[in-house]
Amino acid sequence: MDVPQICHWHGYETTAALERSAVCAILETAESAIRQRGDFHLVLAGGTTPRRVYAALSQSPANWGHWHIYFGDERCLPPAHAERNSQMAHESWLTHVAIPATNIHTISAELGAREAAQRYAAKLASVGEFDLVLLGLGEDGHTASLFPGHEAGEAADAPDALAVFDAPKPPPERVSLSAHRLSYAKRIVFLVTGAGKHPAVQAWRNGELIPAARITPPQGVEIWLEQSLL
């Protein structure tokens, strides 16, 4: 039986306002997690809006030594390829702050989807509940690299990381955290911008089971988007 998703919708007048709020939320969630447990475990999304958020974080003070960085998905491309999510995060943010290299947990997607997924699942086996997961929304309703018509890994026994083949947008081979693993988080925030996302947002609000709707933590998900998309 599908677990219903609880959605908390937050509209913003401008993209800039959404991005400022995202930066503040990340920093505040990090501070709270470090104060309570000593570490902050954050899952990153790819995309244009996250890139700008990460660039703003690179100029922000934080207790970086206690941050742990993970990736919601990755493209099977060479490590320094410009379209890798990890490369984007490094260029815009991670190389500019003092997060220890051992705390940045990239996906070895250059090894191929199957091998990389197995290795990342093994790495995540010792990681508990994420403090914050950032996700985006594609025009087709996908999130991370969970695409329509593909396995999302919702079951309780699903692997933490999935090998993705025949993705509908290039490159076809990817690695994605499963819906079940992405849902194992204290807080999940979708950052949604761009007029092209309107049909996917409407399908989501109408109760269609798009991939983004398969992320089902008990406390629900926060969906931050431009007011014009509501």
C-alpha atoms as a PDB file:
ATOM      1  CA  MET A   1       0.000   0.000   0.000  1.00  0.00           C
ATOM      2  CA  ASP A   2       1.293   3.468  -0.871  1.00  0.00           C
ATOM      3  CA  VAL A   3       2.030   5.692   2.108  1.00  0.00           C
ATOM      4  CA  PRO A   4       0.317   9.069   1.598  1.00  0.00           C
ATOM      5  CA  GLN A   5       2.622  12.040   1.434  1.00  0.00           C
ATOM      6  CA  ILE A   6       2.013  14.975   3.766  1.00  0.00           C
ATOM      7  CA  CYS A   7       2.834  18.244   1.972  1.00  0.00           C
ATOM      8  CA  HIS A   8       3.539  21.635   3.549  1.00  0.00           C
ATOM      9  CA  TRP A   9       3.421  24.199   0.739  1.00  0.00           C
ATOM     10  CA  HIS A  10       5.270  27.533   1.080  1.00  0.00           C
ATOM     11  CA  GLY A  11       4.955  30.152  -1.671  1.00  0.00           C
ATOM     12  CA  TYR A  12       7.525  32.933  -2.183  1.00  0.00           C
ATOM     13  CA  GLU A  13       7.026  36.121  -4.163  1.00  0.00           C
ATOM     14  CA  THR A  14      10.466  35.873  -5.797  1.00  0.00           C
ATOM     15  CA  THR A  15      13.138  33.283  -6.440  1.00  0.00           C
ATOM     16  CA  ALA A  16      15.600  35.436  -4.520  1.00  0.00           C
ATOM     17  CA  ALA A  17      13.376  35.366  -1.424  1.00  0.00           C
ATOM     18  CA  LEU A  18      13.100  31.584  -1.661  1.00  0.00           C
ATOM     19  CA  GLU A  19      16.859  31.220  -1.958  1.00  0.00           C
ATOM     20  CA  ARG A  20      17.520  33.515   1.023  1.00  0.00           C
ATOM     21  CA  SER A  21      15.112  31.489   3.120  1.00  0.00           C
ATOM     22  CA  ALA A  22      16.823  28.275   2.030  1.00  0.00           C
ATOM     23  CA  VAL A  23      20.222  29.555   3.123  1.00  0.00           C
ATOM     24  CA  CYS A  24      18.851  30.586   6.514  1.00  0.00           C
ATOM     25  CA  ALA A  25      17.046  27.266   6.961  1.00  0.00           C
ATOM     26  CA  ILE A  26      20.164  25.242   6.173  1.00  0.00           C
ATOM     27  CA  LEU A  27      22.317  27.245   8.574  1.00  0.00           C
ATOM     28  CA  GLU A  28      19.716  27.163  11.351  1.00  0.00           C
ATOM     29  CA  THR A  29      19.109  23.422  10.950  1.00  0.00           C
ATOM     30  CA  ALA A  30      22.862  22.835  11.024  1.00  0.00           C
ATOM     31  CA  GLU A  31      23.328  24.893  14.171  1.00  0.00           C
ATOM     32  CA  SER A  32      20.503  23.035  15.923  1.00  0.00           C
ATOM     33  CA  ALA A  33      21.795  19.597  14.897  1.00  0.00           C
ATOM     34  CA  ILE A  34      25.360  20.373  15.983  1.00  0.00           C
ATOM     35  CA  ARG A  35      24.138  21.750  19.296  1.00  0.00           C
ATOM     36  CA  GLN A  36      22.022  18.651  19.942  1.00  0.00           C
ATOM     37  CA  ARG A  37      24.157  15.839  18.507  1.00  0.00           C
ATOM     38  CA  GLY A  38      27.533  17.246  17.519  1.00  0.00           C
ATOM     39  CA  ASP A  39      27.178  16.779  13.742  1.00  0.00           C
ATOM     40  CA  PHE A  40      25.001  17.888  10.833  1.00  0.00           C
ATOM     41  CA  HIS A  41      24.163  15.471   8.010  1.00  0.00           C
ATOM     42  CA  LEU A  42      22.959  17.200   4.830  1.00  0.00           C
ATOM     43  CA  VAL A  43      21.906  15.708   1.481  1.00  0.00           C
ATOM     44  CA  LEU A  44      22.408  17.979  -1.525  1.00  0.00           C
ATOM     45  CA  ALA A  45      20.317  18.443  -4.658  1.00  0.00           C
ATOM     46  CA  GLY A  46      21.569  19.466  -8.072  1.00  0.00           C
ATOM     47  CA  GLY A  47      20.188  22.268 -10.228  1.00  0.00           C
ATOM     48  CA  THR A  48      20.355  25.996 -10.782  1.00  0.00           C
ATOM     49  CA  THR A  49      18.529  27.128  -7.643  1.00  0.00           C
ATOM     50  CA  PRO A  50      20.628  24.919  -5.333  1.00  0.00           C
ATOM     51  CA  ARG A  51      23.774  26.235  -7.038  1.00  0.00           C
ATOM     52  CA  ARG A  52      22.867  29.784  -6.045  1.00  0.00           C
ATOM     53  CA  VAL A  53      22.022  28.638  -2.515  1.00  0.00           C
ATOM     54  CA  TYR A  54      25.381  26.889  -2.238  1.00  0.00           C
ATOM     55  CA  ALA A  55      27.200  29.969  -3.521  1.00  0.00           C
ATOM     56  CA  ALA A  56      25.531  32.011  -0.781  1.00  0.00           C
ATOM     57  CA  LEU A  57      26.515  29.410   1.812  1.00  0.00           C
ATOM     58  CA  SER A  58      30.138  29.770   0.732  1.00  0.00           C
ATOM     59  CA  GLN A  59      30.012  33.331   2.072  1.00  0.00           C
ATOM     60  CA  SER A  60      28.338  32.384   5.346  1.00  0.00           C
ATOM     61  CA  PRO A  61      29.967  31.654   8.707  1.00  0.00           C
ATOM     62  CA  ALA A  62      29.263  28.201  10.122  1.00  0.00           C
ATOM     63  CA  ASN A  63      30.814  25.486  12.235  1.00  0.00           C
ATOM     64  CA  TRP A  64      31.937  23.698   9.081  1.00  0.00           C
ATOM     65  CA  GLY A  65      34.036  21.071  10.815  1.00  0.00           C
ATOM     66  CA  HIS A  66      30.864  19.316  12.002  1.00  0.00           C
ATOM     67  CA  TRP A  67      29.089  19.192   8.636  1.00  0.00           C
ATOM     68  CA  HIS A  68      28.713  15.944   6.656  1.00  0.00           C
ATOM     69  CA  ILE A  69      27.702  16.243   3.009  1.00  0.00           C
ATOM     70  CA  TYR A  70      25.918  13.593   0.935  1.00  0.00           C
ATOM     71  CA  PHE A  71      24.393  13.648  -2.543  1.00  0.00           C
ATOM     72  CA  GLY A  72      20.853  12.696  -3.474  1.00  0.00           C
ATOM     73  CA  ASP A  73      21.954  11.564  -6.907  1.00  0.00           C
ATOM     74  CA  GLU A  74      24.814  11.670  -9.367  1.00  0.00           C
ATOM     75  CA  ARG A  75      25.396  11.360 -13.084  1.00  0.00           C
ATOM     76  CA  CYS A  76      27.735   8.620 -14.320  1.00  0.00           C
ATOM     77  CA  LEU A  77      30.370  10.956 -15.722  1.00  0.00           C
ATOM     78  CA  PRO A  78      34.076  11.545 -14.987  1.00  0.00           C
ATOM     79  CA  PRO A  79      34.698  13.029 -11.493  1.00  0.00           C
ATOM     80  CA  ALA A  80      35.551  16.544 -12.679  1.00  0.00           C
ATOM     81  CA  HIS A  81      32.830  16.737 -15.340  1.00  0.00           C
ATOM     82  CA  ALA A  82      30.938  20.034 -15.189  1.00  0.00           C
ATOM     83  CA  GLU A  83      27.568  18.246 -15.108  1.00  0.00           C
ATOM     84  CA  ARG A  84      28.362  16.202 -12.017  1.00  0.00           C
ATOM     85  CA  ASN A  85      26.384  17.371  -8.971  1.00  0.00           C
ATOM     86  CA  SER A  86      29.465  16.927  -6.809  1.00  0.00           C
ATOM     87  CA  GLN A  87      31.549  19.108  -9.128  1.00  0.00           C
ATOM     88  CA  MET A  88      28.909  21.841  -9.059  1.00  0.00           C
ATOM     89  CA  ALA A  89      28.768  21.733  -5.259  1.00  0.00           C
ATOM     90  CA  HIS A  90      32.547  21.861  -4.976  1.00  0.00           C
ATOM     91  CA  GLU A  91      32.906  24.790  -7.374  1.00  0.00           C
ATOM     92  CA  SER A  92      30.116  26.876  -5.884  1.00  0.00           C
ATOM     93  CA  TRP A  93      30.646  26.097  -2.209  1.00  0.00           C
ATOM     94  CA  LEU A  94      32.615  23.174  -0.811  1.00  0.00           C
ATOM     95  CA  THR A  95      36.099  24.256  -1.899  1.00  0.00           C
ATOM     96  CA  HIS A  96      35.531  27.644  -0.247  1.00  0.00           C
ATOM     97  CA  VAL A  97      34.736  26.462   3.282  1.00  0.00           C
ATOM     98  CA  ALA A  98      36.470  24.316   5.905  1.00  0.00           C
ATOM     99  CA  ILE A  99      34.378  21.142   5.691  1.00  0.00           C
ATOM    100  CA  PRO A 100      36.906  18.278   6.084  1.00  0.00           C
ATOM    101  CA  ALA A 101      37.386  16.317   2.881  1.00  0.00           C
ATOM    102  CA  THR A 102      36.567  13.125   4.781  1.00  0.00           C
ATOM    103  CA  ASN A 103      33.137  14.600   5.590  1.00  0.00           C
ATOM    104  CA  ILE A 104      32.205  15.079   1.932  1.00  0.00           C
ATOM    105  CA  HIS A 105      30.707  11.796   0.781  1.00  0.00           C
ATOM    106  CA  THR A 106      30.597  11.804  -3.009  1.00  0.00           C
ATOM    107  CA  ILE A 107      29.108   9.044  -5.175  1.00  0.00           C
ATOM    108  CA  SER A 108      31.735   7.204  -7.253  1.00  0.00           C
ATOM    109  CA  ALA A 109      29.497   7.336 -10.308  1.00  0.00           C
ATOM    110  CA  GLU A 110      32.475   7.166 -12.668  1.00  0.00           C
ATOM    111  CA  LEU A 111      32.622   3.448 -11.788  1.00  0.00           C
ATOM    112  CA  GLY A 112      29.245   2.831 -13.413  1.00  0.00           C
ATOM    113  CA  ALA A 113      25.780   2.922 -11.903  1.00  0.00           C
ATOM    114  CA  ARG A 114      25.659  -0.570 -10.424  1.00  0.00           C
ATOM    115  CA  GLU A 115      29.065  -0.514  -8.730  1.00  0.00           C
ATOM    116  CA  ALA A 116      28.646   3.063  -7.516  1.00  0.00           C
ATOM    117  CA  ALA A 117      25.194   2.361  -6.076  1.00  0.00           C
ATOM    118  CA  GLN A 118      26.491  -0.652  -4.160  1.00  0.00           C
ATOM    119  CA  ARG A 119      29.413   1.342  -2.756  1.00  0.00           C
ATOM    120  CA  TYR A 120      27.247   4.273  -1.717  1.00  0.00           C
ATOM    121  CA  ALA A 121      24.696   1.996  -0.072  1.00  0.00           C
ATOM    122  CA  ALA A 122      27.529   0.425   1.922  1.00  0.00           C
ATOM    123  CA  LYS A 123      28.738   3.884   2.960  1.00  0.00           C
ATOM    124  CA  LEU A 124      25.253   4.915   4.081  1.00  0.00           C
ATOM    125  CA  ALA A 125      24.766   1.741   6.121  1.00  0.00           C
ATOM    126  CA  SER A 126      26.533   3.357   9.070  1.00  0.00           C
ATOM    127  CA  VAL A 127      24.726   6.695   8.677  1.00  0.00           C
ATOM    128  CA  GLY A 128      21.544   7.243  10.630  1.00  0.00           C
ATOM    129  CA  GLU A 129      18.714   9.635   9.916  1.00  0.00           C
ATOM    130  CA  PHE A 130      19.705  12.624   7.785  1.00  0.00           C
ATOM    131  CA  ASP A 131      19.168  16.015   9.411  1.00  0.00           C
ATOM    132  CA  LEU A 132      18.139  17.745   6.181  1.00  0.00           C
ATOM    133  CA  VAL A 133      17.514  16.567   2.632  1.00  0.00           C
ATOM    134  CA  LEU A 134      17.333  19.104  -0.194  1.00  0.00           C
ATOM    135  CA  LEU A 135      15.453  18.044  -3.310  1.00  0.00           C
ATOM    136  CA  GLY A 136      14.330  19.588  -6.567  1.00  0.00           C
ATOM    137  CA  LEU A 137      11.526  18.899  -9.016  1.00  0.00           C
ATOM    138  CA  GLY A 138      11.888  18.175 -12.710  1.00  0.00           C
ATOM    139  CA  GLU A 139       9.361  19.207 -15.335  1.00  0.00           C
ATOM    140  CA  ASP A 140       8.327  15.534 -15.563  1.00  0.00           C
ATOM    141  CA  GLY A 141       7.875  15.275 -11.795  1.00  0.00           C
ATOM    142  CA  HIS A 142      11.174  13.537 -11.096  1.00  0.00           C
ATOM    143  CA  THR A 143      13.284  14.229  -8.038  1.00  0.00           C
ATOM    144  CA  ALA A 144      16.912  13.243  -7.485  1.00  0.00           C
ATOM    145  CA  SER A 145      17.232  10.645 -10.287  1.00  0.00           C
ATOM    146  CA  LEU A 146      13.906   8.974  -9.568  1.00  0.00           C
ATOM    147  CA  PHE A 147      12.078   9.224 -12.885  1.00  0.00           C
ATOM    148  CA  PRO A 148       8.523   8.379 -13.986  1.00  0.00           C
ATOM    149  CA  GLY A 149       8.246   4.756 -15.007  1.00  0.00           C
ATOM    150  CA  HIS A 150      11.382   3.758 -13.075  1.00  0.00           C
ATOM    151  CA  GLU A 151      11.790   1.993  -9.761  1.00  0.00           C
ATOM    152  CA  ALA A 152      11.743   4.488  -6.873  1.00  0.00           C
ATOM    153  CA  GLY A 153      12.788   2.151  -4.064  1.00  0.00           C
ATOM    154  CA  GLU A 154       9.929   2.902  -1.681  1.00  0.00           C
ATOM    155  CA  ALA A 155       9.792  -0.435   0.114  1.00  0.00           C
ATOM    156  CA  ALA A 156      11.267  -0.784   3.584  1.00  0.00           C
ATOM    157  CA  ASP A 157      13.796  -3.298   2.258  1.00  0.00           C
ATOM    158  CA  ALA A 158      14.827  -1.183  -0.738  1.00  0.00           C
ATOM    159  CA  PRO A 159      18.557  -0.491  -1.053  1.00  0.00           C
ATOM    160  CA  ASP A 160      19.740   2.910   0.086  1.00  0.00           C
ATOM    161  CA  ALA A 161      21.104   3.682  -3.389  1.00  0.00           C
ATOM    162  CA  LEU A 162      19.732   2.654  -6.775  1.00  0.00           C
ATOM    163  CA  ALA A 163      21.469   2.086 -10.095  1.00  0.00           C
ATOM    164  CA  VAL A 164      19.509   4.021 -12.726  1.00  0.00           C
ATOM    165  CA  PHE A 165      19.628   3.050 -16.391  1.00  0.00           C
ATOM    166  CA  ASP A 166      17.828   4.522 -19.409  1.00  0.00           C
ATOM    167  CA  ALA A 167      17.119   7.832 -17.686  1.00  0.00           C
ATOM    168  CA  PRO A 168      14.905   9.983 -19.958  1.00  0.00           C
ATOM    169  CA  LYS A 169      17.410  12.842 -19.865  1.00  0.00           C
ATOM    170  CA  PRO A 170      21.164  12.559 -20.402  1.00  0.00           C
ATOM    171  CA  PRO A 171      23.241  10.945 -19.230  1.00  0.00           C
ATOM    172  CA  PRO A 172      21.136   7.775 -19.182  1.00  0.00           C
ATOM    173  CA  GLU A 173      23.182   6.105 -16.442  1.00  0.00           C
ATOM    174  CA  ARG A 174      22.948   7.539 -12.914  1.00  0.00           C
ATOM    175  CA  VAL A 175      22.890   6.721  -9.218  1.00  0.00           C
ATOM    176  CA  SER A 176      20.104   7.905  -6.919  1.00  0.00           C
ATOM    177  CA  LEU A 177      19.253   7.510  -3.294  1.00  0.00           C
ATOM    178  CA  SER A 178      16.058   5.494  -3.049  1.00  0.00           C
ATOM    179  CA  ALA A 179      12.768   7.079  -2.022  1.00  0.00           C
ATOM    180  CA  HIS A 180      12.911   5.063   1.195  1.00  0.00           C
ATOM    181  CA  ARG A 181      16.390   6.377   2.112  1.00  0.00           C
ATOM    182  CA  LEU A 182      15.573   9.953   1.147  1.00  0.00           C
ATOM    183  CA  SER A 183      12.521   9.737   3.399  1.00  0.00           C
ATOM    184  CA  TYR A 184      14.689   8.772   6.378  1.00  0.00           C
ATOM    185  CA  ALA A 185      15.336  12.366   7.398  1.00  0.00           C
ATOM    186  CA  LYS A 186      14.319  14.777  10.096  1.00  0.00           C
ATOM    187  CA  ARG A 187      13.542  17.476   7.536  1.00  0.00           C
ATOM    188  CA  ILE A 188      13.013  17.427   3.764  1.00  0.00           C
ATOM    189  CA  VAL A 189      12.756  20.593   1.682  1.00  0.00           C
ATOM    190  CA  PHE A 190      11.954  20.728  -2.036  1.00  0.00           C
ATOM    191  CA  LEU A 191      13.200  23.882  -3.788  1.00  0.00           C
ATOM    192  CA  VAL A 192      11.049  24.481  -6.885  1.00  0.00           C
ATOM    193  CA  THR A 193      11.519  27.380  -9.306  1.00  0.00           C
ATOM    194  CA  GLY A 194      10.878  28.023 -12.980  1.00  0.00           C
ATOM    195  CA  ALA A 195       7.658  28.370 -14.986  1.00  0.00           C
ATOM    196  CA  GLY A 196       8.279  25.034 -16.692  1.00  0.00           C
ATOM    197  CA  LYS A 197       7.576  23.261 -13.399  1.00  0.00           C
ATOM    198  CA  HIS A 198       3.938  24.399 -13.303  1.00  0.00           C
ATOM    199  CA  PRO A 199       2.410  21.228 -14.836  1.00  0.00           C
ATOM    200  CA  ALA A 200       4.373  18.993 -12.456  1.00  0.00           C
ATOM    201  CA  VAL A 201       3.343  21.108  -9.465  1.00  0.00           C
ATOM    202  CA  GLN A 202      -0.306  20.936 -10.487  1.00  0.00           C
ATOM    203  CA  ALA A 203      -0.113  17.165 -10.949  1.00  0.00           C
ATOM    204  CA  TRP A 204       1.476  16.913  -7.505  1.00  0.00           C
ATOM    205  CA  ARG A 205      -1.185  19.094  -5.894  1.00  0.00           C
ATOM    206  CA  ASN A 206      -3.888  17.059  -7.630  1.00  0.00           C
ATOM    207  CA  GLY A 207      -2.651  13.927  -5.934  1.00  0.00           C
ATOM    208  CA  GLU A 208      -0.914  12.268  -8.861  1.00  0.00           C
ATOM    209  CA  LEU A 209       1.817   9.861  -7.784  1.00  0.00           C
ATOM    210  CA  ILE A 210       4.715  11.581  -9.496  1.00  0.00           C
ATOM    211  CA  PRO A 211       8.183  10.508  -8.300  1.00  0.00           C
ATOM    212  CA  ALA A 212       8.455  13.514  -5.971  1.00  0.00           C
ATOM    213  CA  ALA A 213       5.304  12.317  -4.194  1.00  0.00           C
ATOM    214  CA  ARG A 214       7.034   9.064  -3.266  1.00  0.00           C
ATOM    215  CA  ILE A 215       9.157  10.783  -0.609  1.00  0.00           C
ATOM    216  CA  THR A 216       7.047  10.083   2.472  1.00  0.00           C
ATOM    217  CA  PRO A 217       8.612  10.856   5.861  1.00  0.00           C
ATOM    218  CA  PRO A 218       6.140  10.722   8.764  1.00  0.00           C
ATOM    219  CA  GLN A 219       6.415  14.450   9.412  1.00  0.00           C
ATOM    220  CA  GLY A 220       5.780  15.339   5.771  1.00  0.00           C
ATOM    221  CA  VAL A 221       7.805  17.328   3.263  1.00  0.00           C
ATOM    222  CA  GLU A 222       8.205  21.083   2.844  1.00  0.00           C
ATOM    223  CA  ILE A 223       7.729  22.338  -0.700  1.00  0.00           C
ATOM    224  CA  TRP A 224       9.132  25.814  -1.226  1.00  0.00           C
ATOM    225  CA  LEU A 225       8.205  27.340  -4.561  1.00  0.00           C
ATOM    226  CA  GLU A 226       7.515  30.563  -6.368  1.00  0.00           C
ATOM    227  CA  GLN A 227       4.016  31.875  -5.660  1.00  0.00           C
ATOM    228  CA  SER A 228       3.249  31.851  -9.369  1.00  0.00           C
ATOM    229  CA  LEU A 229       3.519  28.053  -9.415  1.00  0.00           C
ATOM    230  CA  LEU A 230       0.728  27.574  -6.881  1.00  0.00           C
END
